[in-house]
Protein backbone atom coordinates (compact mmCIF):
# COMPACT_ATOMS: atom_id res chain seq x y z
CA UNK A 1 59.87 -13.36 -38.49
CA UNK A 2 57.26 -10.85 -39.64
CA UNK A 3 54.51 -9.97 -37.11
CA UNK A 4 51.21 -11.88 -37.55
CA UNK A 5 48.74 -10.09 -39.27
CA UNK A 6 45.40 -9.20 -37.69
CA UNK A 7 42.25 -9.40 -40.02
CA UNK A 8 40.40 -6.74 -40.65
CA UNK A 9 37.26 -8.41 -39.47
CA UNK A 10 38.73 -9.06 -35.83
CA UNK A 11 40.06 -5.55 -35.78
CA UNK A 12 36.88 -4.18 -36.19
CA UNK A 13 34.82 -6.49 -34.04
CA UNK A 14 37.76 -5.57 -30.97
CA UNK A 15 36.89 -1.95 -31.57
CA UNK A 16 33.26 -2.35 -31.42
CA UNK A 17 33.53 -4.79 -28.24
CA UNK A 18 35.81 -2.09 -26.70
CA UNK A 19 32.98 0.69 -27.33
CA UNK A 20 30.42 -1.67 -26.05
CA UNK A 21 32.28 -2.03 -22.71
CA UNK A 22 32.77 1.84 -22.65
CA UNK A 23 29.49 2.48 -22.83
CA UNK A 24 28.16 -0.60 -20.59
CA UNK A 25 30.52 0.67 -17.86
CA UNK A 26 29.34 4.32 -18.38
CA UNK A 27 25.84 3.18 -18.22
CA UNK A 28 26.43 1.40 -15.10
CA UNK A 29 27.93 4.37 -13.49
CA UNK A 30 24.94 6.62 -14.16
CA UNK A 31 22.57 4.06 -13.14
CA UNK A 32 24.72 3.94 -10.09
CA UNK A 33 24.24 7.49 -9.42
CA UNK A 34 20.33 7.70 -10.02
CA UNK A 35 19.83 4.99 -7.42
CA UNK A 36 22.00 6.85 -4.98
CA UNK A 37 19.94 10.02 -5.58
CA UNK A 38 16.53 8.08 -5.60
CA UNK A 39 17.60 6.94 -2.60
CA UNK A 40 18.31 10.34 -0.90
CA UNK A 41 15.31 11.25 -2.07
CA UNK A 42 13.31 8.38 -0.71
CA UNK A 43 14.84 9.06 2.96
CA UNK A 44 13.98 12.69 2.75
CA UNK A 45 10.31 11.88 1.87
CA UNK A 46 10.04 9.53 4.50
CA UNK A 47 11.48 12.41 7.36
CA UNK A 48 9.17 14.68 5.63
CA UNK A 49 6.15 12.21 6.60
CA UNK A 50 7.71 11.54 9.83
CA UNK A 51 7.70 15.03 10.82
CA UNK A 52 4.15 15.66 9.10
CA UNK A 53 2.54 12.77 11.59
CA UNK A 54 4.20 14.17 14.47
CA UNK A 55 3.47 17.52 13.83
CA UNK A 56 -0.55 15.96 13.57
CA UNK A 57 -0.01 13.90 17.08
CA UNK A 58 1.06 17.23 18.57
CA UNK A 59 -1.94 19.37 17.43
CA UNK A 60 -4.17 16.63 18.59
CA UNK A 61 -2.67 16.29 21.87
CA UNK A 62 -2.42 20.27 22.17
CA UNK A 63 -6.58 20.52 21.14
CA UNK A 64 -7.52 17.98 23.67
CA UNK A 65 -5.56 19.89 26.43
CA UNK A 66 -7.34 23.21 25.32
CA UNK A 67 -10.78 21.65 25.39
CA UNK A 68 -10.32 20.12 28.92
CA UNK A 69 -8.88 23.32 30.19
CA UNK A 70 -11.85 25.19 28.81
CA UNK A 71 -14.19 22.77 30.40
CA UNK A 72 -14.64 21.05 27.13
CA UNK A 73 -14.63 18.23 25.01
CA UNK A 74 -12.61 17.54 21.89
CA UNK A 75 -14.21 15.40 19.34
CA UNK A 76 -10.93 14.27 16.41
CA UNK A 77 -12.16 13.97 12.87
CA UNK A 78 -14.00 10.68 11.60
CA UNK A 79 -12.16 8.21 9.99
CA UNK A 80 -11.42 8.61 6.15
CA UNK A 81 -10.16 5.07 5.38
CA UNK A 82 -11.53 1.36 6.62
CA UNK A 83 -9.85 -1.72 6.71
CA UNK A 84 -12.23 -4.35 5.73
CA UNK A 85 -11.58 -8.30 6.24
CA UNK A 86 -14.11 -11.23 4.86
CA UNK A 87 -14.95 -13.51 7.58
CA UNK A 88 -17.60 -15.94 5.94
CA UNK A 89 -17.49 -17.55 2.89
CA UNK A 90 -19.91 -18.52 -0.11
CA UNK A 91 -22.60 -20.76 1.15
CA UNK A 92 -26.09 -19.26 1.50
CA UNK A 93 -24.52 -16.09 0.45
CA UNK A 94 -27.42 -13.84 -1.51
CA UNK A 95 -26.38 -12.35 -4.79
CA UNK A 96 -26.46 -8.62 -4.07
CA UNK A 97 -24.09 -9.31 -1.00
CA UNK A 98 -21.86 -11.29 -3.05
CA UNK A 99 -22.28 -8.77 -5.74
CA UNK A 100 -20.78 -5.81 -3.02
CA UNK A 101 -18.05 -8.15 -1.90
CA UNK A 102 -16.69 -8.81 -5.13
CA UNK A 103 -16.97 -5.08 -5.81
CA UNK A 104 -14.62 -4.52 -3.04
CA UNK A 105 -12.44 -7.23 -4.16
CA UNK A 106 -13.33 -9.25 -1.13
CA UNK A 107 -13.25 -12.51 -3.16
CA UNK A 108 -11.82 -15.09 -0.67
CA UNK A 109 -12.27 -15.67 2.63
CA UNK A 110 -9.68 -13.60 5.09
CA UNK A 111 -9.06 -11.09 2.57
CA UNK A 112 -8.48 -7.36 3.61
CA UNK A 113 -8.60 -4.19 1.45
CA UNK A 114 -8.80 -0.59 2.39
CA UNK A 115 -11.85 1.36 1.56
CA UNK A 116 -12.23 4.93 1.54
CA UNK A 117 -15.04 6.18 3.72
CA UNK A 118 -18.29 8.03 2.08
CA UNK A 119 -21.76 7.91 1.74
CA UNK A 120 -21.94 4.92 -0.81
CA UNK A 121 -18.91 2.98 0.08
CA UNK A 122 -20.95 3.27 4.09
CA UNK A 123 -24.19 1.62 2.63
CA UNK A 124 -21.90 -1.04 0.75
CA UNK A 125 -20.61 -1.86 3.77
CA UNK A 126 -23.87 -1.86 5.70
CA UNK A 127 -25.19 -4.58 3.11
CA UNK A 128 -22.20 -6.86 3.68
CA UNK A 129 -21.37 -6.56 7.36
CA UNK A 130 -22.70 -9.81 8.43
CA UNK A 131 -19.92 -11.41 6.06
CA UNK A 132 -17.16 -8.91 7.08
CA UNK A 133 -15.43 -7.41 10.11
CA UNK A 134 -14.04 -3.44 9.70
CA UNK A 135 -12.05 -1.08 11.93
CA UNK A 136 -10.13 2.07 11.62
CA UNK A 137 -6.63 1.58 10.87
CA UNK A 138 -3.85 3.88 12.21
CA UNK A 139 -0.51 4.67 10.38
CA UNK A 140 1.17 1.78 12.21
CA UNK A 141 -1.18 -0.55 11.53
CA UNK A 142 -1.49 0.43 7.36
CA UNK A 143 2.50 0.64 7.45
CA UNK A 144 3.33 -3.13 9.25
CA UNK A 145 0.20 -4.26 6.79
CA UNK A 146 2.11 -2.60 3.42
CA UNK A 147 5.86 -3.46 4.69
CA UNK A 148 4.74 -7.24 6.03
CA UNK A 149 2.22 -8.41 3.78
CA UNK A 150 2.16 -6.03 0.69
CA UNK A 151 1.84 -7.22 -2.84
CA UNK A 152 1.42 -5.41 -6.00
CA UNK A 153 -0.42 -6.00 -9.65
CA UNK A 154 2.01 -6.02 -12.21
CA UNK A 155 1.10 -7.33 -15.72
CA UNK A 156 -1.68 -9.32 -13.69
CA UNK A 157 0.24 -11.34 -11.79
CA UNK A 158 0.54 -11.08 -7.47
CA UNK A 159 3.95 -9.86 -6.82
CA UNK A 160 5.66 -8.54 -3.04
CA UNK A 161 7.16 -5.11 -2.77
CA UNK A 162 10.77 -5.57 -3.39
CA UNK A 163 11.62 -2.54 -4.28
CA UNK A 164 10.80 1.36 -4.79
CA UNK A 165 11.23 1.43 -8.20
CA UNK A 166 8.34 -1.20 -8.55
CA UNK A 167 6.21 1.95 -7.25
CA UNK A 168 7.75 4.33 -8.97
CA UNK A 169 7.26 2.66 -12.59
CA UNK A 170 3.42 2.60 -11.88
CA UNK A 171 2.67 5.63 -9.73
CA UNK A 172 5.18 8.05 -10.44
CA UNK A 173 2.81 9.83 -12.63
CA UNK A 174 0.96 10.46 -9.28
CA UNK A 175 3.85 11.67 -7.32
CA UNK A 176 4.43 8.33 -5.48
CA UNK A 177 7.79 7.05 -5.66
CA UNK A 178 8.34 5.04 -2.86
CA UNK A 179 6.85 2.96 0.07
CA UNK A 180 6.51 5.79 2.57
CA UNK A 181 4.62 7.90 -0.07
CA UNK A 182 2.27 4.92 -0.61
CA UNK A 183 1.71 4.65 3.01
CA UNK A 184 0.81 8.16 3.51
CA UNK A 185 -1.35 8.17 0.54
CA UNK A 186 -3.59 5.14 2.16
CA UNK A 187 -2.96 7.08 5.29
CA UNK A 188 -4.40 10.50 4.46
CA UNK A 189 -6.83 9.13 1.97
CA UNK A 190 -5.20 11.61 -0.73
CA UNK A 191 -6.19 12.61 -3.91
CA UNK A 192 -4.79 9.74 -5.56
CA UNK A 193 -6.27 6.93 -2.99
CA UNK A 194 -7.87 5.00 -5.42
CA UNK A 195 -5.24 4.74 -7.62
CA UNK A 196 -2.86 3.72 -4.85
CA UNK A 197 -5.03 1.14 -3.13
CA UNK A 198 -5.85 -0.51 -6.79
CA UNK A 199 -2.18 -0.96 -7.08
CA UNK A 200 -2.31 -2.98 -4.14
CA UNK A 201 -3.31 -6.66 -4.56
CA UNK A 202 -5.98 -7.78 -1.77
CA UNK A 203 -4.41 -8.67 1.14
CA UNK A 204 -4.24 -12.46 2.02
CA UNK A 205 -4.46 -12.94 5.66
CA UNK A 206 -4.36 -15.67 8.31
CA UNK A 207 -7.36 -16.72 10.80
CA UNK A 208 -6.67 -15.06 14.20
CA UNK A 209 -4.95 -17.31 16.85
CA UNK A 210 -7.66 -19.32 18.52
CA UNK A 211 -10.59 -18.89 15.91
CA UNK A 212 -13.29 -16.48 16.12
CA UNK A 213 -15.22 -15.90 18.98
CA UNK A 214 -18.47 -15.89 17.28
CA UNK A 215 -19.46 -15.28 13.48
CA UNK A 216 -23.14 -15.44 14.19
CA UNK A 217 -23.14 -12.27 16.41
CA UNK A 218 -22.08 -8.64 15.87
CA UNK A 219 -19.07 -7.18 17.46
CA UNK A 220 -21.15 -5.04 19.73
CA UNK A 221 -23.01 -8.15 20.85
CA UNK A 222 -19.79 -10.11 21.23
CA UNK A 223 -19.26 -11.64 18.14
CA UNK A 224 -17.03 -10.86 14.85
CA UNK A 225 -18.86 -9.14 12.18
CA UNK A 226 -19.26 -5.74 11.96
CA UNK A 227 -17.57 -2.64 13.00
């Protein structure tokens, strides 16, 4: 009995499928190797920023010791970044503060954003002080906010940060390729702070446990609004 003849079209299809499978396997191996390299790079960058922060803390302690030793006081540098949270709604809100709140991306109650401190933004904060509360966050606070509450803008949608690839895709051209780079850029108010900050969606926070003390009074008077 003679062998069954395989049609030419089937042979071509099998050859094509084999070639596609080979290419797919090669791509998978290449992607796996690339991911491994990127992960190693992200770990390296994380260690770099950790050492940078450690050196800064040591320098601060040393400067304080030197000042105390010589009978002086050491005054640290002024804060570069503030974290601003909206604590009041839109009822009886004047158009000018409403516009400033919109410019700061504080469009909803309990929204929070990072703001670079300069002459213009400080004046804007003065205008909306009765409607917001703000302070100067540490790196630990910024890190917790981004890791726990961080969402990004992607095609106009609010998407949680799930991988470094999301960050590299939009901020890679600015040298920001992982979460640690993003945290460092916000903390140190780097040259690409604007791009990094706009990449983040405004933080949606919960009200404090037990409620606010008194929204009608400033923080220095025992209330909540202001610095």
